[in-house]
Amino acid sequence: MDVPCEVLVPAAVSYCIGPEEQRRVTATVIAEAANMPALLEAEATLHARGVTVLPDFVANSATNAWWWWTLFGDVSADPGEAEPWCEVQCAGSHRTCWTAARQGLPHRTVKLPKASSTAI
């Protein structure tokens, strides 16, 4: 947690950043690739310290969405075909979260737009 860096990506373990661990974080952005790596009380303290926490449901949304859309036949497994679809479908959520961060709001407090159900 205390490696000097601008972006920290906890990618494998849930609940690994608690109230004690958050004190060691030197990054200015945490991009949650694992499912819920920061406990809510740690996230609140990080936010108060000026650390932007990009929640797991935003940071790994395109990967999870692509898997489901491929499973249901909405898009093929080909990355070249899937990338534009994911960009369009996830852009609103990503834009909303980064706008909230610029306004000083924690990401988990914002209401995200629903993804479009229309094909590209």
N, C-alpha and C. Protein backbone atom coordinates (compact mmCIF):
# COMPACT_ATOMS: atom_id res chain seq x y z
N MET A 1 0.80 -1.21 0.00
CA MET A 1 0.00 0.00 0.00
C MET A 1 0.84 1.26 0.00
N ASP A 2 2.04 1.17 0.55
CA ASP A 2 2.83 2.39 0.72
C ASP A 2 3.91 2.57 -0.34
N VAL A 3 3.77 1.89 -1.47
CA VAL A 3 4.70 2.09 -2.57
C VAL A 3 4.43 3.47 -3.16
N PRO A 4 5.45 4.31 -3.33
CA PRO A 4 5.21 5.63 -3.91
C PRO A 4 4.67 5.50 -5.33
N CYS A 5 3.46 5.99 -5.56
CA CYS A 5 2.85 5.91 -6.88
C CYS A 5 1.71 6.92 -6.96
N GLU A 6 1.29 7.21 -8.19
CA GLU A 6 0.15 8.11 -8.38
C GLU A 6 -1.16 7.33 -8.41
N VAL A 7 -1.12 6.12 -9.00
CA VAL A 7 -2.31 5.30 -9.13
C VAL A 7 -2.04 3.94 -8.50
N LEU A 8 -2.90 3.55 -7.58
CA LEU A 8 -2.82 2.23 -6.94
C LEU A 8 -3.97 1.39 -7.48
N VAL A 9 -3.66 0.17 -7.93
CA VAL A 9 -4.69 -0.71 -8.50
C VAL A 9 -4.73 -2.01 -7.70
N PRO A 10 -5.54 -2.05 -6.63
CA PRO A 10 -5.72 -3.33 -5.94
C PRO A 10 -6.57 -4.23 -6.83
N ALA A 11 -5.98 -5.33 -7.28
CA ALA A 11 -6.62 -6.11 -8.33
C ALA A 11 -6.97 -7.53 -7.97
N ALA A 12 -6.66 -8.00 -6.77
CA ALA A 12 -6.87 -9.41 -6.50
C ALA A 12 -7.64 -9.71 -5.22
N VAL A 13 -7.60 -8.85 -4.24
CA VAL A 13 -8.15 -9.18 -2.93
C VAL A 13 -9.21 -8.17 -2.49
N SER A 14 -10.36 -8.68 -2.11
CA SER A 14 -11.41 -7.81 -1.57
C SER A 14 -11.06 -7.40 -0.14
N TYR A 15 -11.55 -6.24 0.26
CA TYR A 15 -11.43 -5.74 1.64
C TYR A 15 -9.98 -5.64 2.12
N CYS A 16 -9.05 -5.32 1.23
CA CYS A 16 -7.64 -5.24 1.62
C CYS A 16 -7.23 -3.85 2.11
N ILE A 17 -8.09 -2.84 1.90
CA ILE A 17 -7.79 -1.50 2.39
C ILE A 17 -8.83 -1.13 3.44
N GLY A 18 -8.43 -1.31 4.68
CA GLY A 18 -9.29 -0.96 5.81
C GLY A 18 -8.82 0.34 6.44
N PRO A 19 -9.38 0.70 7.59
CA PRO A 19 -8.99 1.94 8.27
C PRO A 19 -7.50 2.03 8.57
N GLU A 20 -6.87 0.94 8.92
CA GLU A 20 -5.43 0.97 9.20
C GLU A 20 -4.61 1.05 7.91
N GLU A 21 -4.96 0.23 6.94
CA GLU A 21 -4.20 0.17 5.69
C GLU A 21 -4.28 1.48 4.90
N GLN A 22 -5.39 2.18 4.96
CA GLN A 22 -5.55 3.40 4.17
C GLN A 22 -4.51 4.45 4.54
N ARG A 23 -4.01 4.40 5.77
CA ARG A 23 -3.00 5.37 6.20
C ARG A 23 -1.69 5.22 5.42
N ARG A 24 -1.44 4.02 4.92
CA ARG A 24 -0.19 3.75 4.20
C ARG A 24 -0.26 4.12 2.73
N VAL A 25 -1.45 4.37 2.21
CA VAL A 25 -1.63 4.67 0.79
C VAL A 25 -1.01 6.02 0.46
N THR A 26 -0.12 6.03 -0.55
CA THR A 26 0.51 7.27 -0.99
C THR A 26 -0.05 7.75 -2.32
N ALA A 27 -0.80 6.91 -3.01
CA ALA A 27 -1.36 7.24 -4.32
C ALA A 27 -2.41 8.35 -4.21
N THR A 28 -2.62 9.05 -5.30
CA THR A 28 -3.69 10.05 -5.34
C THR A 28 -4.96 9.49 -5.97
N VAL A 29 -4.84 8.34 -6.64
CA VAL A 29 -5.99 7.67 -7.24
C VAL A 29 -5.89 6.19 -6.93
N ILE A 30 -7.01 5.60 -6.53
CA ILE A 30 -7.11 4.15 -6.38
C ILE A 30 -8.14 3.68 -7.40
N ALA A 31 -7.72 2.82 -8.32
CA ALA A 31 -8.61 2.24 -9.32
C ALA A 31 -8.89 0.81 -8.88
N GLU A 32 -10.07 0.58 -8.37
CA GLU A 32 -10.41 -0.73 -7.81
C GLU A 32 -10.69 -1.75 -8.91
N ALA A 33 -9.73 -2.63 -9.15
CA ALA A 33 -9.93 -3.70 -10.12
C ALA A 33 -10.49 -4.94 -9.43
N ALA A 34 -10.15 -5.17 -8.18
CA ALA A 34 -10.74 -6.26 -7.40
C ALA A 34 -12.15 -5.85 -6.99
N ASN A 35 -12.94 -6.80 -6.56
CA ASN A 35 -14.27 -6.48 -6.06
C ASN A 35 -14.16 -5.91 -4.64
N MET A 36 -14.54 -4.67 -4.48
CA MET A 36 -14.61 -3.97 -3.20
C MET A 36 -13.33 -4.10 -2.36
N PRO A 37 -12.19 -3.65 -2.89
CA PRO A 37 -10.96 -3.76 -2.10
C PRO A 37 -10.90 -2.78 -0.93
N ALA A 38 -11.56 -1.63 -1.04
CA ALA A 38 -11.54 -0.65 0.05
C ALA A 38 -12.83 -0.74 0.85
N LEU A 39 -12.69 -0.91 2.15
CA LEU A 39 -13.87 -0.87 3.02
C LEU A 39 -14.45 0.54 3.00
N LEU A 40 -15.75 0.66 3.20
CA LEU A 40 -16.40 1.97 3.10
C LEU A 40 -15.81 3.00 4.06
N GLU A 41 -15.49 2.59 5.29
CA GLU A 41 -14.92 3.56 6.23
C GLU A 41 -13.53 4.01 5.78
N ALA A 42 -12.76 3.12 5.17
CA ALA A 42 -11.45 3.50 4.63
C ALA A 42 -11.62 4.43 3.44
N GLU A 43 -12.60 4.13 2.59
CA GLU A 43 -12.86 4.97 1.43
C GLU A 43 -13.24 6.39 1.85
N ALA A 44 -14.03 6.51 2.88
CA ALA A 44 -14.43 7.84 3.36
C ALA A 44 -13.21 8.62 3.86
N THR A 45 -12.32 7.95 4.56
CA THR A 45 -11.11 8.61 5.06
C THR A 45 -10.18 8.97 3.90
N LEU A 46 -10.05 8.09 2.94
CA LEU A 46 -9.23 8.38 1.76
C LEU A 46 -9.77 9.60 1.03
N HIS A 47 -11.08 9.64 0.86
CA HIS A 47 -11.71 10.79 0.19
C HIS A 47 -11.40 12.08 0.95
N ALA A 48 -11.50 12.04 2.26
CA ALA A 48 -11.21 13.22 3.08
C ALA A 48 -9.75 13.64 2.93
N ARG A 49 -8.87 12.69 2.63
CA ARG A 49 -7.44 12.98 2.41
C ARG A 49 -7.17 13.46 1.00
N GLY A 50 -8.18 13.47 0.13
CA GLY A 50 -7.99 13.91 -1.25
C GLY A 50 -7.64 12.81 -2.21
N VAL A 51 -7.78 11.55 -1.80
CA VAL A 51 -7.50 10.41 -2.67
C VAL A 51 -8.79 10.05 -3.41
N THR A 52 -8.72 10.01 -4.73
CA THR A 52 -9.87 9.62 -5.54
C THR A 52 -9.94 8.10 -5.60
N VAL A 53 -11.08 7.54 -5.21
CA VAL A 53 -11.28 6.09 -5.27
C VAL A 53 -12.27 5.82 -6.39
N LEU A 54 -11.78 5.22 -7.47
CA LEU A 54 -12.63 4.83 -8.59
C LEU A 54 -13.17 3.45 -8.27
N PRO A 55 -14.47 3.34 -7.99
CA PRO A 55 -15.03 2.07 -7.52
C PRO A 55 -14.88 0.93 -8.52
N ASP A 56 -14.88 -0.27 -7.98
CA ASP A 56 -14.76 -1.47 -8.78
C ASP A 56 -15.81 -1.53 -9.89
N PHE A 57 -17.03 -1.10 -9.60
CA PHE A 57 -18.09 -1.22 -10.60
C PHE A 57 -17.89 -0.27 -11.78
N VAL A 58 -16.98 0.68 -11.66
CA VAL A 58 -16.62 1.54 -12.78
C VAL A 58 -15.31 1.07 -13.39
N ALA A 59 -14.31 0.82 -12.55
CA ALA A 59 -12.98 0.46 -13.04
C ALA A 59 -12.97 -0.83 -13.86
N ASN A 60 -13.77 -1.81 -13.48
CA ASN A 60 -13.77 -3.06 -14.23
C ASN A 60 -15.09 -3.32 -14.95
N SER A 61 -15.88 -2.28 -15.15
CA SER A 61 -17.20 -2.45 -15.75
C SER A 61 -17.15 -2.93 -17.19
N ALA A 62 -16.22 -2.41 -17.99
CA ALA A 62 -16.18 -2.82 -19.39
C ALA A 62 -15.85 -4.30 -19.53
N THR A 63 -14.94 -4.80 -18.72
CA THR A 63 -14.58 -6.21 -18.78
C THR A 63 -15.75 -7.09 -18.40
N ASN A 64 -16.41 -6.75 -17.30
CA ASN A 64 -17.57 -7.54 -16.87
C ASN A 64 -18.71 -7.44 -17.87
N ALA A 65 -18.95 -6.24 -18.37
CA ALA A 65 -20.04 -6.06 -19.34
C ALA A 65 -19.75 -6.83 -20.62
N TRP A 66 -18.50 -6.75 -21.07
CA TRP A 66 -18.14 -7.46 -22.31
C TRP A 66 -18.41 -8.94 -22.14
N TRP A 67 -18.06 -9.52 -21.02
CA TRP A 67 -18.28 -10.95 -20.79
C TRP A 67 -19.78 -11.27 -20.91
N TRP A 68 -20.62 -10.48 -20.24
CA TRP A 68 -22.06 -10.74 -20.29
C TRP A 68 -22.63 -10.52 -21.68
N TRP A 69 -22.23 -9.44 -22.33
CA TRP A 69 -22.75 -9.16 -23.67
C TRP A 69 -22.32 -10.24 -24.66
N THR A 70 -21.12 -10.78 -24.49
CA THR A 70 -20.67 -11.89 -25.34
C THR A 70 -21.51 -13.13 -25.06
N LEU A 71 -21.73 -13.42 -23.79
CA LEU A 71 -22.53 -14.58 -23.40
C LEU A 71 -23.93 -14.53 -24.00
N PHE A 72 -24.55 -13.34 -23.98
CA PHE A 72 -25.92 -13.20 -24.47
C PHE A 72 -26.01 -12.91 -25.97
N GLY A 73 -24.85 -12.86 -26.64
CA GLY A 73 -24.84 -12.68 -28.09
C GLY A 73 -25.02 -11.25 -28.55
N ASP A 74 -24.89 -10.26 -27.66
CA ASP A 74 -25.03 -8.87 -28.07
C ASP A 74 -23.82 -8.39 -28.86
N VAL A 75 -22.66 -8.98 -28.59
CA VAL A 75 -21.42 -8.59 -29.24
C VAL A 75 -20.53 -9.82 -29.32
N SER A 76 -19.65 -9.85 -30.31
CA SER A 76 -18.76 -11.02 -30.43
C SER A 76 -17.61 -10.92 -29.43
N ALA A 77 -16.85 -11.98 -29.31
CA ALA A 77 -15.70 -12.00 -28.41
C ALA A 77 -14.50 -11.30 -29.01
N ASP A 78 -14.60 -10.85 -30.26
CA ASP A 78 -13.50 -10.15 -30.91
C ASP A 78 -13.30 -8.77 -30.28
N PRO A 79 -12.11 -8.49 -29.72
CA PRO A 79 -11.87 -7.21 -29.06
C PRO A 79 -12.10 -6.01 -29.98
N GLY A 80 -11.74 -6.11 -31.23
CA GLY A 80 -11.93 -5.00 -32.17
C GLY A 80 -13.39 -4.64 -32.35
N GLU A 81 -14.26 -5.64 -32.33
CA GLU A 81 -15.69 -5.39 -32.46
C GLU A 81 -16.30 -4.95 -31.12
N ALA A 82 -15.82 -5.52 -30.04
CA ALA A 82 -16.40 -5.25 -28.73
C ALA A 82 -16.02 -3.90 -28.16
N GLU A 83 -14.81 -3.41 -28.48
CA GLU A 83 -14.34 -2.16 -27.87
C GLU A 83 -15.28 -0.98 -28.12
N PRO A 84 -15.72 -0.70 -29.36
CA PRO A 84 -16.63 0.44 -29.54
C PRO A 84 -17.94 0.26 -28.78
N TRP A 85 -18.44 -0.96 -28.71
CA TRP A 85 -19.68 -1.24 -27.98
C TRP A 85 -19.49 -0.88 -26.50
N CYS A 86 -18.39 -1.38 -25.91
CA CYS A 86 -18.12 -1.11 -24.49
C CYS A 86 -17.92 0.38 -24.23
N GLU A 87 -17.23 1.07 -25.15
CA GLU A 87 -17.01 2.50 -24.98
C GLU A 87 -18.34 3.25 -24.90
N VAL A 88 -19.24 2.95 -25.81
CA VAL A 88 -20.53 3.63 -25.83
C VAL A 88 -21.34 3.28 -24.58
N GLN A 89 -21.38 2.01 -24.23
CA GLN A 89 -22.20 1.57 -23.12
C GLN A 89 -21.70 2.06 -21.76
N CYS A 90 -20.40 2.17 -21.60
CA CYS A 90 -19.82 2.53 -20.30
C CYS A 90 -19.46 4.01 -20.17
N ALA A 91 -19.48 4.74 -21.26
CA ALA A 91 -19.01 6.13 -21.24
C ALA A 91 -19.78 7.01 -20.26
N GLY A 92 -21.08 6.85 -20.19
CA GLY A 92 -21.88 7.69 -19.29
C GLY A 92 -21.50 7.50 -17.83
N SER A 93 -21.32 6.26 -17.42
CA SER A 93 -20.94 5.99 -16.03
C SER A 93 -19.56 6.55 -15.72
N HIS A 94 -18.63 6.36 -16.63
CA HIS A 94 -17.28 6.86 -16.41
C HIS A 94 -17.27 8.38 -16.34
N ARG A 95 -17.97 9.02 -17.26
CA ARG A 95 -18.04 10.48 -17.29
C ARG A 95 -18.67 11.01 -16.01
N THR A 96 -19.74 10.38 -15.55
CA THR A 96 -20.42 10.80 -14.33
C THR A 96 -19.50 10.70 -13.12
N CYS A 97 -18.76 9.61 -13.02
CA CYS A 97 -17.85 9.43 -11.88
C CYS A 97 -16.72 10.44 -11.89
N TRP A 98 -16.12 10.70 -13.04
CA TRP A 98 -15.01 11.67 -13.07
C TRP A 98 -15.51 13.09 -12.85
N THR A 99 -16.72 13.39 -13.30
CA THR A 99 -17.31 14.71 -13.01
C THR A 99 -17.51 14.86 -11.51
N ALA A 100 -17.99 13.82 -10.86
CA ALA A 100 -18.17 13.85 -9.40
C ALA A 100 -16.84 14.08 -8.69
N ALA A 101 -15.79 13.41 -9.17
CA ALA A 101 -14.47 13.57 -8.55
C ALA A 101 -13.99 15.01 -8.68
N ARG A 102 -14.20 15.62 -9.86
CA ARG A 102 -13.78 17.01 -10.03
C ARG A 102 -14.55 17.95 -9.12
N GLN A 103 -15.77 17.55 -8.75
CA GLN A 103 -16.58 18.36 -7.84
C GLN A 103 -16.32 18.01 -6.38
N GLY A 104 -15.41 17.07 -6.14
CA GLY A 104 -15.06 16.70 -4.78
C GLY A 104 -16.01 15.72 -4.13
N LEU A 105 -16.83 15.03 -4.93
CA LEU A 105 -17.79 14.06 -4.38
C LEU A 105 -17.23 12.64 -4.46
N PRO A 106 -17.47 11.82 -3.46
CA PRO A 106 -17.07 10.41 -3.56
C PRO A 106 -17.89 9.72 -4.65
N HIS A 107 -17.24 8.87 -5.43
CA HIS A 107 -17.92 8.21 -6.54
C HIS A 107 -19.14 7.40 -6.13
N ARG A 108 -19.08 6.75 -5.00
CA ARG A 108 -20.20 5.89 -4.59
C ARG A 108 -21.45 6.67 -4.24
N THR A 109 -21.35 7.99 -4.16
CA THR A 109 -22.54 8.79 -3.82
C THR A 109 -23.29 9.28 -5.05
N VAL A 110 -22.76 9.03 -6.24
CA VAL A 110 -23.42 9.53 -7.45
C VAL A 110 -24.33 8.49 -8.07
N LYS A 111 -25.41 8.95 -8.66
CA LYS A 111 -26.34 8.07 -9.36
C LYS A 111 -25.84 7.92 -10.78
N LEU A 112 -25.56 6.69 -11.19
CA LEU A 112 -25.03 6.43 -12.53
C LEU A 112 -26.15 6.29 -13.55
N PRO A 113 -25.88 6.72 -14.79
CA PRO A 113 -26.89 6.56 -15.85
C PRO A 113 -27.01 5.09 -16.23
N LYS A 114 -28.17 4.71 -16.73
CA LYS A 114 -28.34 3.32 -17.20
C LYS A 114 -27.67 3.19 -18.56
N ALA A 115 -27.12 2.00 -18.81
CA ALA A 115 -26.51 1.73 -20.11
C ALA A 115 -27.59 1.62 -21.16
N SER A 116 -27.25 1.98 -22.36
CA SER A 116 -28.19 1.90 -23.47
C SER A 116 -28.42 0.44 -23.85
N SER A 117 -29.59 0.13 -24.29
CA SER A 117 -29.88 -1.25 -24.70
C SER A 117 -29.88 -1.39 -26.21
N THR A 118 -29.52 -0.31 -26.91
CA THR A 118 -29.50 -0.38 -28.36
C THR A 118 -28.14 -0.78 -28.86
N ALA A 119 -28.12 -1.56 -29.92
CA ALA A 119 -26.86 -2.02 -30.51
C ALA A 119 -26.20 -0.90 -31.28
N ILE A 120 -24.90 -1.02 -31.45
CA ILE A 120 -24.13 -0.03 -32.23
C ILE A 120 -24.19 -0.43 -33.68
